[in-house]
Amino acid sequence: MHFSLLDIANATVFRGRNRVFDRLSLRLEAGVNAAILGPNGAGKSTLLKLLCRDIHAVYAEDSYVRVLGKDRWNVWELRGLLGVVSNDLQLDYTGHARGEQIVLSGYYASIDTWPHQTFSPEQKDAAARVMVDLGIEHLRRRPFAAMSTGEQRRFLLARALVNDPQTLILDEPTSGLDLNACFQYLQTIRSLMHAGRTIVLVTHHIHEIPPEIDDVILIKAGAVFARGPKADVLTGPTLSALYETPVTLLEANGYYQAVPG
């Protein structure tokens, strides 16, 4: 049976006293690489938290939020199916945690590892393989606080991958990275898609959208502003309206970049 990754109908969502979504409807298909793009304050982080079940919509009879076909989830079970790498996670992570601990913490969806947590030899082997695959095995003893931003991002990606999830949710993955680290990370994302992983990218950086992503959702002020294939949605006029400033779009090697109009 086929289930959507995310199916939202008429959802009203608050963050504190602020109403972010007012009867939002949106569907993301499982197995489809997608990018969710919008300016700061558009509702991207709220949508991410809704998908991860960190927050919930206001109850209404005609409203639902279903993840992989289910209204209710054990959050720990869900986090084994969806690998999430977010800026919030990077900010929350303890600086003294060493590389290997960061990866192993993915098994418990915890921040760092703790004495009561146990790990089988198979789990430790899987963590080691993920570190080798991402080129960070040599940093397994380095504290999180002593890593570069790019190294931290790779360890958090390894933390997500250790559960072998089909879908990865990446929140502004290249934010804060220099050009070399940015390009390396984007290449890693492309390799994961080529290996069969589904990527959902949440961003306001157009250059982060790899060529393999074709489904683009633009959101603005808590509503879907536009949606469709990348070539149809990522245009100068559409982005100018989205960001309320003149935008000219450049394209090279399957990537797009916005410059002042």
C-alpha atoms as a PDB file:
ATOM      1  CA  MET A   1       0.000   0.000   0.000  1.00  0.00           C
ATOM      2  CA  HIS A   2       1.304   3.434  -0.939  1.00  0.00           C
ATOM      3  CA  PHE A   3       1.383   6.172   1.696  1.00  0.00           C
ATOM      4  CA  SER A   4       2.352   9.800   1.344  1.00  0.00           C
ATOM      5  CA  LEU A   5       5.359  10.922   3.344  1.00  0.00           C
ATOM      6  CA  LEU A   6       3.320  13.851   4.645  1.00  0.00           C
ATOM      7  CA  ASP A   7      -0.367  14.541   4.123  1.00  0.00           C
ATOM      8  CA  ILE A   8      -1.744  17.724   5.708  1.00  0.00           C
ATOM      9  CA  ALA A   9      -5.370  18.772   5.406  1.00  0.00           C
ATOM     10  CA  ASN A  10      -6.758  22.061   6.742  1.00  0.00           C
ATOM     11  CA  ALA A  11      -4.157  22.306   9.501  1.00  0.00           C
ATOM     12  CA  THR A  12      -4.045  25.317  11.813  1.00  0.00           C
ATOM     13  CA  VAL A  13      -0.786  25.478  13.746  1.00  0.00           C
ATOM     14  CA  PHE A  14       0.409  27.872  16.440  1.00  0.00           C
ATOM     15  CA  ARG A  15       3.898  28.540  17.751  1.00  0.00           C
ATOM     16  CA  GLY A  16       3.156  30.109  21.105  1.00  0.00           C
ATOM     17  CA  ARG A  17       0.557  32.780  20.382  1.00  0.00           C
ATOM     18  CA  ASN A  18       1.618  33.140  16.771  1.00  0.00           C
ATOM     19  CA  ARG A  19      -0.588  31.391  14.208  1.00  0.00           C
ATOM     20  CA  VAL A  20       1.830  30.079  11.589  1.00  0.00           C
ATOM     21  CA  PHE A  21      -0.568  28.037   9.429  1.00  0.00           C
ATOM     22  CA  ASP A  22      -4.250  28.741   8.890  1.00  0.00           C
ATOM     23  CA  ARG A  23      -5.928  25.655   7.371  1.00  0.00           C
ATOM     24  CA  LEU A  24      -2.866  24.561   5.441  1.00  0.00           C
ATOM     25  CA  SER A  25      -3.154  21.616   3.039  1.00  0.00           C
ATOM     26  CA  LEU A  26      -0.048  20.003   1.554  1.00  0.00           C
ATOM     27  CA  ARG A  27       1.029  16.540   0.441  1.00  0.00           C
ATOM     28  CA  LEU A  28       4.568  15.232  -0.004  1.00  0.00           C
ATOM     29  CA  GLU A  29       4.775  11.885  -1.779  1.00  0.00           C
ATOM     30  CA  ALA A  30       7.002   9.166  -0.357  1.00  0.00           C
ATOM     31  CA  GLY A  31      10.024   8.459  -2.516  1.00  0.00           C
ATOM     32  CA  VAL A  32       9.953  11.864  -4.241  1.00  0.00           C
ATOM     33  CA  ASN A  33      12.905  14.206  -3.712  1.00  0.00           C
ATOM     34  CA  ALA A  34      11.524  17.630  -2.842  1.00  0.00           C
ATOM     35  CA  ALA A  35      12.647  21.097  -1.818  1.00  0.00           C
ATOM     36  CA  ILE A  36      10.612  23.426   0.389  1.00  0.00           C
ATOM     37  CA  LEU A  37      11.748  26.977  -0.228  1.00  0.00           C
ATOM     38  CA  GLY A  38      10.703  30.263   1.297  1.00  0.00           C
ATOM     39  CA  PRO A  39      11.862  33.409   3.074  1.00  0.00           C
ATOM     40  CA  ASN A  40      12.567  33.563   6.790  1.00  0.00           C
ATOM     41  CA  GLY A  41       9.347  33.471   8.757  1.00  0.00           C
ATOM     42  CA  ALA A  42       7.425  31.695   5.982  1.00  0.00           C
ATOM     43  CA  GLY A  43       6.738  28.635   8.135  1.00  0.00           C
ATOM     44  CA  LYS A  44       9.486  26.268   6.942  1.00  0.00           C
ATOM     45  CA  SER A  45      10.747  25.326  10.411  1.00  0.00           C
ATOM     46  CA  THR A  46       7.179  24.873  11.650  1.00  0.00           C
ATOM     47  CA  LEU A  47       6.470  22.525   8.742  1.00  0.00           C
ATOM     48  CA  LEU A  48       9.594  20.568   9.643  1.00  0.00           C
ATOM     49  CA  LYS A  49       8.493  20.257  13.276  1.00  0.00           C
ATOM     50  CA  LEU A  50       5.025  19.187  12.130  1.00  0.00           C
ATOM     51  CA  LEU A  51       6.558  16.428   9.991  1.00  0.00           C
ATOM     52  CA  CYS A  52       8.746  15.248  12.880  1.00  0.00           C
ATOM     53  CA  ARG A  53       5.745  15.387  15.272  1.00  0.00           C
ATOM     54  CA  ASP A  54       7.504  17.867  17.544  1.00  0.00           C
ATOM     55  CA  ILE A  55       4.385  20.066  17.352  1.00  0.00           C
ATOM     56  CA  HIS A  56       0.748  19.364  16.498  1.00  0.00           C
ATOM     57  CA  ALA A  57      -2.087  21.094  14.681  1.00  0.00           C
ATOM     58  CA  VAL A  58      -5.154  22.427  16.458  1.00  0.00           C
ATOM     59  CA  TYR A  59      -7.846  19.746  16.554  1.00  0.00           C
ATOM     60  CA  ALA A  60     -10.651  20.097  14.010  1.00  0.00           C
ATOM     61  CA  GLU A  61     -12.966  17.445  12.560  1.00  0.00           C
ATOM     62  CA  ASP A  62     -11.911  18.144   8.962  1.00  0.00           C
ATOM     63  CA  SER A  63      -8.215  18.506   9.754  1.00  0.00           C
ATOM     64  CA  TYR A  64      -5.428  15.932   9.947  1.00  0.00           C
ATOM     65  CA  VAL A  65      -1.661  15.584   9.702  1.00  0.00           C
ATOM     66  CA  ARG A  66      -0.552  12.129   8.570  1.00  0.00           C
ATOM     67  CA  VAL A  67       3.045  10.983   8.333  1.00  0.00           C
ATOM     68  CA  LEU A  68       3.543   7.809   6.289  1.00  0.00           C
ATOM     69  CA  GLY A  69      -0.211   7.207   6.451  1.00  0.00           C
ATOM     70  CA  LYS A  70      -0.574   7.442  10.230  1.00  0.00           C
ATOM     71  CA  ASP A  71      -2.126  10.158  12.398  1.00  0.00           C
ATOM     72  CA  ARG A  72      -0.273   9.044  15.516  1.00  0.00           C
ATOM     73  CA  TRP A  73       3.267   7.866  15.970  1.00  0.00           C
ATOM     74  CA  ASN A  74       5.614   6.815  18.672  1.00  0.00           C
ATOM     75  CA  VAL A  75       8.090   9.649  18.113  1.00  0.00           C
ATOM     76  CA  TRP A  76      11.086   7.370  18.714  1.00  0.00           C
ATOM     77  CA  GLU A  77       9.822   4.900  16.112  1.00  0.00           C
ATOM     78  CA  LEU A  78       9.276   7.697  13.605  1.00  0.00           C
ATOM     79  CA  ARG A  79      12.782   9.032  14.106  1.00  0.00           C
ATOM     80  CA  GLY A  80      14.076   5.632  13.034  1.00  0.00           C
ATOM     81  CA  LEU A  81      12.255   6.062   9.714  1.00  0.00           C
ATOM     82  CA  LEU A  82      13.039   9.723   9.102  1.00  0.00           C
ATOM     83  CA  GLY A  83      16.585  10.976   9.452  1.00  0.00           C
ATOM     84  CA  VAL A  84      16.587  14.652  10.403  1.00  0.00           C
ATOM     85  CA  VAL A  85      19.498  17.091  10.296  1.00  0.00           C
ATOM     86  CA  SER A  86      18.524  20.574  11.436  1.00  0.00           C
ATOM     87  CA  ASN A  87      20.113  23.788  12.604  1.00  0.00           C
ATOM     88  CA  ASP A  88      18.257  23.399  15.913  1.00  0.00           C
ATOM     89  CA  LEU A  89      19.915  20.037  16.445  1.00  0.00           C
ATOM     90  CA  GLN A  90      23.339  21.484  15.671  1.00  0.00           C
ATOM     91  CA  LEU A  91      22.790  24.326  18.160  1.00  0.00           C
ATOM     92  CA  ASP A  92      21.465  21.974  20.849  1.00  0.00           C
ATOM     93  CA  TYR A  93      24.229  19.421  20.599  1.00  0.00           C
ATOM     94  CA  THR A  94      26.638  19.239  23.533  1.00  0.00           C
ATOM     95  CA  GLY A  95      30.137  20.430  22.707  1.00  0.00           C
ATOM     96  CA  HIS A  96      31.995  17.751  24.638  1.00  0.00           C
ATOM     97  CA  ALA A  97      30.387  14.815  22.791  1.00  0.00           C
ATOM     98  CA  ARG A  98      32.941  13.025  20.630  1.00  0.00           C
ATOM     99  CA  GLY A  99      32.370  12.025  17.036  1.00  0.00           C
ATOM    100  CA  GLU A 100      31.592   8.368  17.668  1.00  0.00           C
ATOM    101  CA  GLN A 101      29.137   9.265  20.463  1.00  0.00           C
ATOM    102  CA  ILE A 102      27.321  11.668  18.126  1.00  0.00           C
ATOM    103  CA  VAL A 103      26.744   8.921  15.569  1.00  0.00           C
ATOM    104  CA  LEU A 104      25.714   6.318  18.166  1.00  0.00           C
ATOM    105  CA  SER A 105      23.241   8.760  19.747  1.00  0.00           C
ATOM    106  CA  GLY A 106      21.148   8.376  16.601  1.00  0.00           C
ATOM    107  CA  TYR A 107      19.972   4.974  17.857  1.00  0.00           C
ATOM    108  CA  TYR A 108      18.231   6.663  20.771  1.00  0.00           C
ATOM    109  CA  ALA A 109      17.456  10.001  19.075  1.00  0.00           C
ATOM    110  CA  SER A 110      19.254  11.570  22.033  1.00  0.00           C
ATOM    111  CA  ILE A 111      21.690  14.428  22.461  1.00  0.00           C
ATOM    112  CA  ASP A 112      24.982  12.642  23.234  1.00  0.00           C
ATOM    113  CA  THR A 113      25.109   9.121  24.659  1.00  0.00           C
ATOM    114  CA  TRP A 114      24.371   8.266  28.272  1.00  0.00           C
ATOM    115  CA  PRO A 115      25.518   5.544  30.713  1.00  0.00           C
ATOM    116  CA  HIS A 116      22.163   3.715  30.634  1.00  0.00           C
ATOM    117  CA  GLN A 117      22.305   3.350  26.834  1.00  0.00           C
ATOM    118  CA  THR A 118      23.763   0.154  25.397  1.00  0.00           C
ATOM    119  CA  PHE A 119      25.011  -0.528  21.881  1.00  0.00           C
ATOM    120  CA  SER A 120      25.468  -3.904  20.254  1.00  0.00           C
ATOM    121  CA  PRO A 121      28.611  -4.785  18.292  1.00  0.00           C
ATOM    122  CA  GLU A 122      26.465  -4.633  15.139  1.00  0.00           C
ATOM    123  CA  GLN A 123      25.355  -1.095  15.964  1.00  0.00           C
ATOM    124  CA  LYS A 124      28.924   0.004  16.619  1.00  0.00           C
ATOM    125  CA  ASP A 125      30.029  -1.573  13.338  1.00  0.00           C
ATOM    126  CA  ALA A 126      27.234   0.209  11.468  1.00  0.00           C
ATOM    127  CA  ALA A 127      28.244   3.527  13.040  1.00  0.00           C
ATOM    128  CA  ALA A 128      31.854   2.941  11.987  1.00  0.00           C
ATOM    129  CA  ARG A 129      30.782   2.167   8.401  1.00  0.00           C
ATOM    130  CA  VAL A 130      28.711   5.350   8.173  1.00  0.00           C
ATOM    131  CA  MET A 131      31.663   7.414   9.406  1.00  0.00           C
ATOM    132  CA  VAL A 132      33.909   5.808   6.791  1.00  0.00           C
ATOM    133  CA  ASP A 133      31.322   6.435   4.062  1.00  0.00           C
ATOM    134  CA  LEU A 134      31.138  10.133   4.979  1.00  0.00           C
ATOM    135  CA  GLY A 135      34.916  10.520   5.305  1.00  0.00           C
ATOM    136  CA  ILE A 136      34.872  11.416   9.006  1.00  0.00           C
ATOM    137  CA  GLU A 137      36.135   8.219  10.646  1.00  0.00           C
ATOM    138  CA  HIS A 138      39.434   9.938  11.506  1.00  0.00           C
ATOM    139  CA  LEU A 139      37.484  12.455  13.630  1.00  0.00           C
ATOM    140  CA  ARG A 140      35.701   9.856  15.767  1.00  0.00           C
ATOM    141  CA  ARG A 141      37.490  11.032  18.948  1.00  0.00           C
ATOM    142  CA  ARG A 142      37.206  14.775  18.292  1.00  0.00           C
ATOM    143  CA  PRO A 143      34.789  16.755  20.513  1.00  0.00           C
ATOM    144  CA  PHE A 144      31.862  18.377  18.719  1.00  0.00           C
ATOM    145  CA  ALA A 145      32.973  21.843  19.856  1.00  0.00           C
ATOM    146  CA  ALA A 146      36.409  21.333  18.273  1.00  0.00           C
ATOM    147  CA  MET A 147      34.975  20.475  14.849  1.00  0.00           C
ATOM    148  CA  SER A 148      34.415  22.867  11.974  1.00  0.00           C
ATOM    149  CA  THR A 149      30.817  23.624  11.014  1.00  0.00           C
ATOM    150  CA  GLY A 150      31.133  21.306   8.026  1.00  0.00           C
ATOM    151  CA  GLU A 151      32.505  18.467  10.171  1.00  0.00           C
ATOM    152  CA  GLN A 152      29.674  18.939  12.676  1.00  0.00           C
ATOM    153  CA  ARG A 153      27.140  18.773   9.856  1.00  0.00           C
ATOM    154  CA  ARG A 154      28.636  15.525   8.553  1.00  0.00           C
ATOM    155  CA  PHE A 155      28.501  13.910  11.993  1.00  0.00           C
ATOM    156  CA  LEU A 156      24.868  14.916  12.405  1.00  0.00           C
ATOM    157  CA  LEU A 157      24.196  13.423   8.975  1.00  0.00           C
ATOM    158  CA  ALA A 158      25.926  10.220  10.108  1.00  0.00           C
ATOM    159  CA  ARG A 159      23.739  10.285  13.240  1.00  0.00           C
ATOM    160  CA  ALA A 160      20.684  10.347  10.978  1.00  0.00           C
ATOM    161  CA  LEU A 161      21.989   7.664   8.616  1.00  0.00           C
ATOM    162  CA  VAL A 162      22.915   5.132  11.298  1.00  0.00           C
ATOM    163  CA  ASN A 163      19.280   3.967  11.463  1.00  0.00           C
ATOM    164  CA  ASP A 164      19.287   3.436   7.683  1.00  0.00           C
ATOM    165  CA  PRO A 165      16.220   5.646   7.074  1.00  0.00           C
ATOM    166  CA  GLN A 166      14.632   5.772   3.642  1.00  0.00           C
ATOM    167  CA  THR A 167      13.985   9.520   3.944  1.00  0.00           C
ATOM    168  CA  LEU A 168      16.298  12.297   5.080  1.00  0.00           C
ATOM    169  CA  ILE A 169      14.970  15.718   6.098  1.00  0.00           C
ATOM    170  CA  LEU A 170      17.685  18.353   5.720  1.00  0.00           C
ATOM    171  CA  ASP A 171      17.169  21.852   7.120  1.00  0.00           C
ATOM    172  CA  GLU A 172      19.366  24.451   5.348  1.00  0.00           C
ATOM    173  CA  PRO A 173      22.187  21.914   5.068  1.00  0.00           C
ATOM    174  CA  THR A 174      24.925  24.236   3.785  1.00  0.00           C
ATOM    175  CA  SER A 175      24.217  27.220   6.030  1.00  0.00           C
ATOM    176  CA  GLY A 176      27.461  28.456   7.574  1.00  0.00           C
ATOM    177  CA  LEU A 177      29.709  26.335   5.340  1.00  0.00           C
ATOM    178  CA  ASP A 178      32.529  27.743   3.241  1.00  0.00           C
ATOM    179  CA  LEU A 179      32.513  27.086  -0.491  1.00  0.00           C
ATOM    180  CA  ASN A 180      34.570  23.893  -0.374  1.00  0.00           C
ATOM    181  CA  ALA A 181      32.557  22.382   2.491  1.00  0.00           C
ATOM    182  CA  CYS A 182      29.315  23.454   0.803  1.00  0.00           C
ATOM    183  CA  PHE A 183      30.204  21.726  -2.463  1.00  0.00           C
ATOM    184  CA  GLN A 184      31.347  18.576  -0.640  1.00  0.00           C
ATOM    185  CA  TYR A 185      28.119  18.391   1.334  1.00  0.00           C
ATOM    186  CA  LEU A 186      25.981  18.914  -1.758  1.00  0.00           C
ATOM    187  CA  GLN A 187      27.870  16.104  -3.491  1.00  0.00           C
ATOM    188  CA  THR A 188      27.197  13.854  -0.494  1.00  0.00           C
ATOM    189  CA  ILE A 189      23.478  14.649  -0.740  1.00  0.00           C
ATOM    190  CA  ARG A 190      23.514  13.798  -4.440  1.00  0.00           C
ATOM    191  CA  SER A 191      25.282  10.504  -3.748  1.00  0.00           C
ATOM    192  CA  LEU A 192      22.637   9.599  -1.163  1.00  0.00           C
ATOM    193  CA  MET A 193      19.869  10.249  -3.696  1.00  0.00           C
ATOM    194  CA  HIS A 194      21.660   8.158  -6.318  1.00  0.00           C
ATOM    195  CA  ALA A 195      21.868   5.359  -3.720  1.00  0.00           C
ATOM    196  CA  GLY A 196      18.087   5.415  -3.361  1.00  0.00           C
ATOM    197  CA  ARG A 197      17.497   7.719  -0.386  1.00  0.00           C
ATOM    198  CA  THR A 198      14.697  10.247  -0.534  1.00  0.00           C
ATOM    199  CA  ILE A 199      15.701  13.810   0.318  1.00  0.00           C
ATOM    200  CA  VAL A 200      13.392  16.551   1.549  1.00  0.00           C
ATOM    201  CA  LEU A 201      15.297  19.816   1.619  1.00  0.00           C
ATOM    202  CA  VAL A 202      14.018  22.753   3.673  1.00  0.00           C
ATOM    203  CA  THR A 203      15.824  25.949   2.761  1.00  0.00           C
ATOM    204  CA  HIS A 204      15.839  29.555   1.666  1.00  0.00           C
ATOM    205  CA  HIS A 205      19.085  29.076  -0.269  1.00  0.00           C
ATOM    206  CA  ILE A 206      18.321  28.329  -3.921  1.00  0.00           C
ATOM    207  CA  HIS A 207      21.865  27.119  -4.586  1.00  0.00           C
ATOM    208  CA  GLU A 208      21.308  24.237  -2.123  1.00  0.00           C
ATOM    209  CA  ILE A 209      18.797  22.522  -4.414  1.00  0.00           C
ATOM    210  CA  PRO A 210      20.631  19.676  -6.217  1.00  0.00           C
ATOM    211  CA  PRO A 211      19.799  18.840  -9.843  1.00  0.00           C
ATOM    212  CA  GLU A 212      18.122  15.580  -8.771  1.00  0.00           C
ATOM    213  CA  ILE A 213      15.367  17.444  -6.908  1.00  0.00           C
ATOM    214  CA  ASP A 214      12.481  18.353  -9.179  1.00  0.00           C
ATOM    215  CA  ASP A 215       9.454  18.853  -6.892  1.00  0.00           C
ATOM    216  CA  VAL A 216       9.666  22.388  -5.490  1.00  0.00           C
ATOM    217  CA  ILE A 217       7.221  23.876  -2.984  1.00  0.00           C
ATOM    218  CA  LEU A 218       7.377  27.595  -2.291  1.00  0.00           C
ATOM    219  CA  ILE A 219       5.800  28.795   0.937  1.00  0.00           C
ATOM    220  CA  LYS A 220       5.129  32.335   2.048  1.00  0.00           C
ATOM    221  CA  ALA A 221       3.374  33.683   5.123  1.00  0.00           C
ATOM    222  CA  GLY A 222       2.226  30.206   6.165  1.00  0.00           C
ATOM    223  CA  ALA A 223       0.681  29.211   2.840  1.00  0.00           C
ATOM    224  CA  VAL A 224       1.708  27.360  -0.310  1.00  0.00           C
ATOM    225  CA  PHE A 225       2.717  30.107  -2.715  1.00  0.00           C
ATOM    226  CA  ALA A 226       3.590  27.904  -5.697  1.00  0.00           C
ATOM    227  CA  ARG A 227       4.368  24.289  -6.425  1.00  0.00           C
ATOM    228  CA  GLY A 228       5.524  22.228  -9.370  1.00  0.00           C
ATOM    229  CA  PRO A 229       8.549  21.040 -11.358  1.00  0.00           C
ATOM    230  CA  LYS A 230      11.706  22.997 -10.662  1.00  0.00           C
ATOM    231  CA  ALA A 231      11.921  24.569 -14.127  1.00  0.00           C
ATOM    232  CA  ASP A 232       8.363  25.873 -13.820  1.00  0.00           C
ATOM    233  CA  VAL A 233       8.594  27.161 -10.248  1.00  0.00           C
ATOM    234  CA  LEU A 234      12.136  28.544 -10.068  1.00  0.00           C
ATOM    235  CA  THR A 235      11.721  31.558 -12.330  1.00  0.00           C
ATOM    236  CA  GLY A 236      12.684  35.182 -11.900  1.00  0.00           C
ATOM    237  CA  PRO A 237       9.095  36.497 -11.756  1.00  0.00           C
ATOM    238  CA  THR A 238       7.945  33.840  -9.283  1.00  0.00           C
ATOM    239  CA  LEU A 239      10.897  34.329  -6.941  1.00  0.00           C
ATOM    240  CA  SER A 240      10.595  38.107  -7.234  1.00  0.00           C
ATOM    241  CA  ALA A 241       7.025  37.800  -5.968  1.00  0.00           C
ATOM    242  CA  LEU A 242       8.007  35.298  -3.273  1.00  0.00           C
ATOM    243  CA  TYR A 243      10.782  37.447  -1.820  1.00  0.00           C
ATOM    244  CA  GLU A 244       9.229  40.805  -2.747  1.00  0.00           C
ATOM    245  CA  THR A 245      12.394  41.983  -4.447  1.00  0.00           C
ATOM    246  CA  PRO A 246      13.564  41.851  -8.088  1.00  0.00           C
ATOM    247  CA  VAL A 247      15.301  38.513  -8.722  1.00  0.00           C
ATOM    248  CA  THR A 248      17.115  37.220 -11.780  1.00  0.00           C
ATOM    249  CA  LEU A 249      17.767  33.500 -11.901  1.00  0.00           C
ATOM    250  CA  LEU A 250      20.908  31.886 -13.304  1.00  0.00           C
ATOM    251  CA  GLU A 251      21.254  28.174 -14.121  1.00  0.00           C
ATOM    252  CA  ALA A 252      24.388  26.081 -14.587  1.00  0.00           C
ATOM    253  CA  ASN A 253      25.063  22.337 -14.318  1.00  0.00           C
ATOM    254  CA  GLY A 254      21.543  21.736 -13.023  1.00  0.00           C
ATOM    255  CA  TYR A 255      21.914  24.216 -10.169  1.00  0.00           C
ATOM    256  CA  TYR A 256      20.155  27.551  -9.842  1.00  0.00           C
ATOM    257  CA  GLN A 257      21.357  30.787  -8.274  1.00  0.00           C
ATOM    258  CA  ALA A 258      19.522  34.032  -7.604  1.00  0.00           C
ATOM    259  CA  VAL A 259      21.100  37.418  -8.255  1.00  0.00           C
ATOM    260  CA  PRO A 260      19.609  40.907  -7.898  1.00  0.00           C
ATOM    261  CA  GLY A 261      17.163  41.714 -10.675  1.00  0.00           C
END
